[in-house]
C-alpha cells in the first residue's frame, strides 16, 4: 500500500533520482524550472509517496507570483513537478498525491494554485482550468491551454494580465 507523507521525509538525492527517471536529464531546461529559480518547495503543499519504504512519487509546490506591469503582485502556488517512478505509473500514485495537495490547499493555502499541465486530466479531477490564465505570461515557452489555475482556501486565481515570476520572499523559513 502506498503511503503519502510530507516531502521532507524523502532524501534529496532520492527525489532527484526519481525526477531524472520520470522526466529525463533535460528537465532543467523546462519553463517550470525557471519559475522555481531561487525558491524552495513549500513543505505544507509538497508530498512524497512511498511503497514499502521505497520512494515512488513526489509532488512539489513552489511560491510564485503574478506580477503586473505596475509592480503589483498576486501570490500563487505553482504545483509541479508531479513525478512517479516509471515502473509504477498509472497506478494512482500521482492522483493520490494530488488529492493530498488539494485537501491541504483547500484547508489553508495562502494563494491560488497554478500549474502547467494537461487540462483534461487536472480539470476533470481537481478543477484546474485556463479560465483565468489568458493574460498570464511565463519566462519561457509554454502551451497556453496547459497554463492552469484553481482556487484554494478562499483565494481565486487573478484573471489579470501579468508575468508569473518566482517569489523567493515567500520561501519557507
C-alpha atoms as a PDB file:
ATOM      1  CA  UNK A   1       0.000   0.000   0.000  1.00  0.00           C
ATOM      2  CA  UNK A   2       1.313   3.438  -0.936  1.00  0.00           C
ATOM      3  CA  UNK A   3       1.761   5.987   1.862  1.00  0.00           C
ATOM      4  CA  UNK A   4       1.608   9.728   1.178  1.00  0.00           C
ATOM      5  CA  UNK A   5       3.906  11.669   3.510  1.00  0.00           C
ATOM      6  CA  UNK A   6       5.464  15.135   3.668  1.00  0.00           C
ATOM      7  CA  UNK A   7       8.199  15.585   1.060  1.00  0.00           C
ATOM      8  CA  UNK A   8      10.666  16.250   3.891  1.00  0.00           C
ATOM      9  CA  UNK A   9      10.567  12.512   4.704  1.00  0.00           C
ATOM     10  CA  UNK A  10      12.376  11.742   1.417  1.00  0.00           C
ATOM     11  CA  UNK A  11      16.073  12.356   0.837  1.00  0.00           C
ATOM     12  CA  UNK A  12      17.073  14.979  -1.726  1.00  0.00           C
ATOM     13  CA  UNK A  13      19.232  12.501  -3.714  1.00  0.00           C
ATOM     14  CA  UNK A  14      16.273  10.082  -3.934  1.00  0.00           C
ATOM     15  CA  UNK A  15      13.981  12.908  -5.080  1.00  0.00           C
ATOM     16  CA  UNK A  16      16.451  13.987  -7.785  1.00  0.00           C
ATOM     17  CA  UNK A  17      16.895  10.378  -8.992  1.00  0.00           C
ATOM     18  CA  UNK A  18      13.116   9.957  -9.230  1.00  0.00           C
ATOM     19  CA  UNK A  19      12.761  13.239 -11.170  1.00  0.00           C
ATOM     20  CA  UNK A  20      15.518  12.139 -13.575  1.00  0.00           C
ATOM     21  CA  UNK A  21      13.779   8.784 -14.090  1.00  0.00           C
ATOM     22  CA  UNK A  22      10.384  10.403 -14.654  1.00  0.00           C
ATOM     23  CA  UNK A  23      11.387  13.406 -16.795  1.00  0.00           C
ATOM     24  CA  UNK A  24      14.917  12.780 -18.050  1.00  0.00           C
ATOM     25  CA  UNK A  25      18.107  14.737 -17.528  1.00  0.00           C
ATOM     26  CA  UNK A  26      16.972  17.604 -19.791  1.00  0.00           C
ATOM     27  CA  UNK A  27      14.226  18.582 -17.332  1.00  0.00           C
ATOM     28  CA  UNK A  28      16.173  21.621 -16.089  1.00  0.00           C
ATOM     29  CA  UNK A  29      15.603  23.446 -19.377  1.00  0.00           C
ATOM     30  CA  UNK A  30      11.833  23.498 -18.969  1.00  0.00           C
ATOM     31  CA  UNK A  31       9.947  26.718 -18.320  1.00  0.00           C
ATOM     32  CA  UNK A  32       8.665  25.413 -14.973  1.00  0.00           C
ATOM     33  CA  UNK A  33      12.244  25.232 -13.687  1.00  0.00           C
ATOM     34  CA  UNK A  34      12.723  28.933 -14.494  1.00  0.00           C
ATOM     35  CA  UNK A  35       9.718  29.673 -12.284  1.00  0.00           C
ATOM     36  CA  UNK A  36      11.325  27.847  -9.356  1.00  0.00           C
ATOM     37  CA  UNK A  37      14.627  29.759  -9.516  1.00  0.00           C
ATOM     38  CA  UNK A  38      15.652  30.978  -6.076  1.00  0.00           C
ATOM     39  CA  UNK A  39      12.696  29.382  -4.317  1.00  0.00           C
ATOM     40  CA  UNK A  40      12.214  26.358  -2.101  1.00  0.00           C
ATOM     41  CA  UNK A  41       9.356  23.858  -2.160  1.00  0.00           C
ATOM     42  CA  UNK A  42       6.523  24.723   0.224  1.00  0.00           C
ATOM     43  CA  UNK A  43       6.579  21.989   2.900  1.00  0.00           C
ATOM     44  CA  UNK A  44       2.842  22.018   3.686  1.00  0.00           C
ATOM     45  CA  UNK A  45       1.987  21.551  -0.012  1.00  0.00           C
ATOM     46  CA  UNK A  46       4.717  19.100  -1.109  1.00  0.00           C
ATOM     47  CA  UNK A  47       4.417  15.337  -0.789  1.00  0.00           C
ATOM     48  CA  UNK A  48       6.229  12.035  -1.266  1.00  0.00           C
ATOM     49  CA  UNK A  49       4.741   8.626  -1.992  1.00  0.00           C
ATOM     50  CA  UNK A  50       6.353   5.510  -0.538  1.00  0.00           C
ATOM     51  CA  UNK A  51       5.647   1.876  -1.366  1.00  0.00           C
ATOM     52  CA  UNK A  52       7.106  -0.398   1.321  1.00  0.00           C
ATOM     53  CA  UNK A  53       9.699   2.245   2.133  1.00  0.00           C
ATOM     54  CA  UNK A  54      10.671   2.896  -1.492  1.00  0.00           C
ATOM     55  CA  UNK A  55      10.171   6.430  -2.824  1.00  0.00           C
ATOM     56  CA  UNK A  56       7.845   6.063  -5.821  1.00  0.00           C
ATOM     57  CA  UNK A  57       6.436   9.575  -6.231  1.00  0.00           C
ATOM     58  CA  UNK A  58       6.932  13.228  -5.427  1.00  0.00           C
ATOM     59  CA  UNK A  59       4.805  16.332  -5.765  1.00  0.00           C
ATOM     60  CA  UNK A  60       6.353  19.715  -5.113  1.00  0.00           C
ATOM     61  CA  UNK A  61       4.703  23.134  -4.806  1.00  0.00           C
ATOM     62  CA  UNK A  62       6.518  26.449  -5.107  1.00  0.00           C
ATOM     63  CA  UNK A  63       5.967  30.124  -4.191  1.00  0.00           C
ATOM     64  CA  UNK A  64       5.416  32.216  -7.313  1.00  0.00           C
ATOM     65  CA  UNK A  65       3.567  35.453  -8.045  1.00  0.00           C
ATOM     66  CA  UNK A  66       1.701  37.104 -10.881  1.00  0.00           C
ATOM     67  CA  UNK A  67       3.423  40.445 -11.379  1.00  0.00           C
ATOM     68  CA  UNK A  68       1.555  43.223 -13.156  1.00  0.00           C
ATOM     69  CA  UNK A  69       3.172  45.990 -15.212  1.00  0.00           C
ATOM     70  CA  UNK A  70       2.753  48.436 -12.299  1.00  0.00           C
ATOM     71  CA  UNK A  71       4.698  46.132  -9.964  1.00  0.00           C
ATOM     72  CA  UNK A  72       1.664  44.871  -8.035  1.00  0.00           C
ATOM     73  CA  UNK A  73       1.902  41.158  -7.206  1.00  0.00           C
ATOM     74  CA  UNK A  74      -0.642  38.445  -6.556  1.00  0.00           C
ATOM     75  CA  UNK A  75       0.700  35.379  -4.772  1.00  0.00           C
ATOM     76  CA  UNK A  76       0.274  31.969  -6.381  1.00  0.00           C
ATOM     77  CA  UNK A  77       1.382  28.421  -5.583  1.00  0.00           C
ATOM     78  CA  UNK A  78       2.901  26.596  -8.548  1.00  0.00           C
ATOM     79  CA  UNK A  79       2.178  22.870  -8.462  1.00  0.00           C
ATOM     80  CA  UNK A  80       4.713  20.536 -10.010  1.00  0.00           C
ATOM     81  CA  UNK A  81       6.512  18.532 -10.838  1.00  0.00           C
ATOM     82  CA  UNK A  82       4.239  15.612 -10.124  1.00  0.00           C
ATOM     83  CA  UNK A  83       6.584  12.667 -10.662  1.00  0.00           C
ATOM     84  CA  UNK A  84       6.036   8.921 -10.379  1.00  0.00           C
ATOM     85  CA  UNK A  85       8.618   6.178 -10.925  1.00  0.00           C
ATOM     86  CA  UNK A  86       8.106   4.881 -14.471  1.00  0.00           C
ATOM     87  CA  UNK A  87       7.640   1.256 -13.367  1.00  0.00           C
ATOM     88  CA  UNK A  88       4.599   2.154 -11.238  1.00  0.00           C
ATOM     89  CA  UNK A  89       2.995   4.900 -13.318  1.00  0.00           C
ATOM     90  CA  UNK A  90      -0.736   4.638 -13.979  1.00  0.00           C
ATOM     91  CA  UNK A  91      -1.280   3.032 -10.587  1.00  0.00           C
ATOM     92  CA  UNK A  92      -2.959   6.013  -8.920  1.00  0.00           C
ATOM     93  CA  UNK A  93       0.115   7.338  -7.096  1.00  0.00           C
ATOM     94  CA  UNK A  94       0.080  10.734  -8.821  1.00  0.00           C
ATOM     95  CA  UNK A  95      -3.625  11.024  -8.198  1.00  0.00           C
ATOM     96  CA  UNK A  96      -3.195  10.214  -4.502  1.00  0.00           C
ATOM     97  CA  UNK A  97      -0.531  12.914  -4.158  1.00  0.00           C
ATOM     98  CA  UNK A  98      -2.748  15.432  -5.985  1.00  0.00           C
ATOM     99  CA  UNK A  99      -5.647  14.528  -3.688  1.00  0.00           C
ATOM    100  CA  UNK A 100      -3.380  15.234  -0.683  1.00  0.00           C
ATOM    101  CA  UNK A 101      -2.268  18.547  -2.183  1.00  0.00           C
ATOM    102  CA  UNK A 102      -5.796  19.734  -2.975  1.00  0.00           C
ATOM    103  CA  UNK A 103      -7.011  18.774   0.508  1.00  0.00           C
ATOM    104  CA  UNK A 104      -4.105  20.665   2.116  1.00  0.00           C
ATOM    105  CA  UNK A 105      -4.592  23.691  -0.171  1.00  0.00           C
ATOM    106  CA  UNK A 106      -8.325  23.797   0.458  1.00  0.00           C
ATOM    107  CA  UNK A 107      -7.646  23.663   4.202  1.00  0.00           C
ATOM    108  CA  UNK A 108      -5.327  26.641   4.278  1.00  0.00           C
ATOM    109  CA  UNK A 109      -3.178  27.598   1.282  1.00  0.00           C
ATOM    110  CA  UNK A 110      -2.130  31.248   1.208  1.00  0.00           C
ATOM    111  CA  UNK A 111      -2.739  31.590  -2.554  1.00  0.00           C
ATOM    112  CA  UNK A 112      -4.476  30.100  -5.576  1.00  0.00           C
ATOM    113  CA  UNK A 113      -2.841  27.105  -7.237  1.00  0.00           C
ATOM    114  CA  UNK A 114      -1.389  27.173 -10.754  1.00  0.00           C
ATOM    115  CA  UNK A 115       0.403  24.647 -12.919  1.00  0.00           C
ATOM    116  CA  UNK A 116       1.480  23.720 -16.412  1.00  0.00           C
ATOM    117  CA  UNK A 117      -0.401  20.509 -17.111  1.00  0.00           C
ATOM    118  CA  UNK A 118      -2.956  18.529 -19.056  1.00  0.00           C
ATOM    119  CA  UNK A 119      -6.283  20.392 -18.726  1.00  0.00           C
ATOM    120  CA  UNK A 120      -8.347  17.290 -19.475  1.00  0.00           C
ATOM    121  CA  UNK A 121      -6.759  15.395 -16.569  1.00  0.00           C
ATOM    122  CA  UNK A 122      -6.216  18.112 -13.962  1.00  0.00           C
ATOM    123  CA  UNK A 123      -9.515  19.789 -14.800  1.00  0.00           C
ATOM    124  CA  UNK A 124     -11.576  16.629 -14.533  1.00  0.00           C
ATOM    125  CA  UNK A 125     -10.322  15.561 -11.117  1.00  0.00           C
ATOM    126  CA  UNK A 126      -9.343  18.793  -9.348  1.00  0.00           C
ATOM    127  CA  UNK A 127     -10.957  21.705 -11.186  1.00  0.00           C
ATOM    128  CA  UNK A 128      -7.870  23.275 -12.761  1.00  0.00           C
ATOM    129  CA  UNK A 129      -8.788  25.437 -15.785  1.00  0.00           C
ATOM    130  CA  UNK A 130      -7.255  28.028 -18.092  1.00  0.00           C
ATOM    131  CA  UNK A 131     -10.175  30.411 -17.469  1.00  0.00           C
ATOM    132  CA  UNK A 132      -8.134  32.998 -15.500  1.00  0.00           C
ATOM    133  CA  UNK A 133      -4.740  32.493 -17.148  1.00  0.00           C
ATOM    134  CA  UNK A 134      -5.321  34.018 -20.604  1.00  0.00           C
ATOM    135  CA  UNK A 135      -3.397  37.188 -19.711  1.00  0.00           C
ATOM    136  CA  UNK A 136      -0.548  35.434 -17.916  1.00  0.00           C
ATOM    137  CA  UNK A 137       2.942  35.082 -19.375  1.00  0.00           C
ATOM    138  CA  UNK A 138       5.785  32.789 -18.335  1.00  0.00           C
ATOM    139  CA  UNK A 139       9.587  33.103 -18.607  1.00  0.00           C
ATOM    140  CA  UNK A 140       9.880  30.621 -21.457  1.00  0.00           C
ATOM    141  CA  UNK A 141       7.841  28.606 -23.916  1.00  0.00           C
ATOM    142  CA  UNK A 142       4.533  27.057 -22.878  1.00  0.00           C
ATOM    143  CA  UNK A 143       1.258  25.958 -24.419  1.00  0.00           C
ATOM    144  CA  UNK A 144      -1.401  28.473 -23.386  1.00  0.00           C
ATOM    145  CA  UNK A 145      -4.088  25.780 -22.982  1.00  0.00           C
ATOM    146  CA  UNK A 146      -1.836  23.993 -20.466  1.00  0.00           C
ATOM    147  CA  UNK A 147      -1.416  27.027 -18.179  1.00  0.00           C
ATOM    148  CA  UNK A 148      -3.964  26.186 -15.497  1.00  0.00           C
ATOM    149  CA  UNK A 149      -5.167  27.618 -12.192  1.00  0.00           C
ATOM    150  CA  UNK A 150      -7.510  26.630  -9.360  1.00  0.00           C
ATOM    151  CA  UNK A 151      -8.925  28.402  -6.320  1.00  0.00           C
ATOM    152  CA  UNK A 152      -7.582  27.350  -2.927  1.00  0.00           C
ATOM    153  CA  UNK A 153      -8.722  28.327   0.590  1.00  0.00           C
ATOM    154  CA  UNK A 154     -10.732  31.382  -0.427  1.00  0.00           C
ATOM    155  CA  UNK A 155      -8.043  32.503  -2.902  1.00  0.00           C
ATOM    156  CA  UNK A 156      -9.186  32.766  -6.515  1.00  0.00           C
ATOM    157  CA  UNK A 157      -6.661  32.949  -9.340  1.00  0.00           C
ATOM    158  CA  UNK A 158      -6.394  36.557 -10.549  1.00  0.00           C
ATOM    159  CA  UNK A 159      -7.829  36.984 -14.055  1.00  0.00           C
ATOM    160  CA  UNK A 160      -5.489  39.863 -14.914  1.00  0.00           C
ATOM    161  CA  UNK A 161      -2.519  40.405 -17.210  1.00  0.00           C
ATOM    162  CA  UNK A 162       0.924  39.789 -15.813  1.00  0.00           C
ATOM    163  CA  UNK A 163       4.071  37.723 -15.710  1.00  0.00           C
ATOM    164  CA  UNK A 164       4.377  34.692 -13.450  1.00  0.00           C
ATOM    165  CA  UNK A 165       7.673  35.039 -11.575  1.00  0.00           C
ATOM    166  CA  UNK A 166       9.490  33.256  -8.737  1.00  0.00           C
ATOM    167  CA  UNK A 167       8.595  34.622  -5.288  1.00  0.00           C
ATOM    168  CA  UNK A 168      11.584  33.912  -3.011  1.00  0.00           C
ATOM    169  CA  UNK A 169      10.183  36.313  -0.392  1.00  0.00           C
ATOM    170  CA  UNK A 170       7.659  33.560   0.443  1.00  0.00           C
ATOM    171  CA  UNK A 171      10.311  30.841   0.856  1.00  0.00           C
ATOM    172  CA  UNK A 172       9.711  28.699   3.932  1.00  0.00           C
ATOM    173  CA  UNK A 173      11.890  29.529   6.954  1.00  0.00           C
END
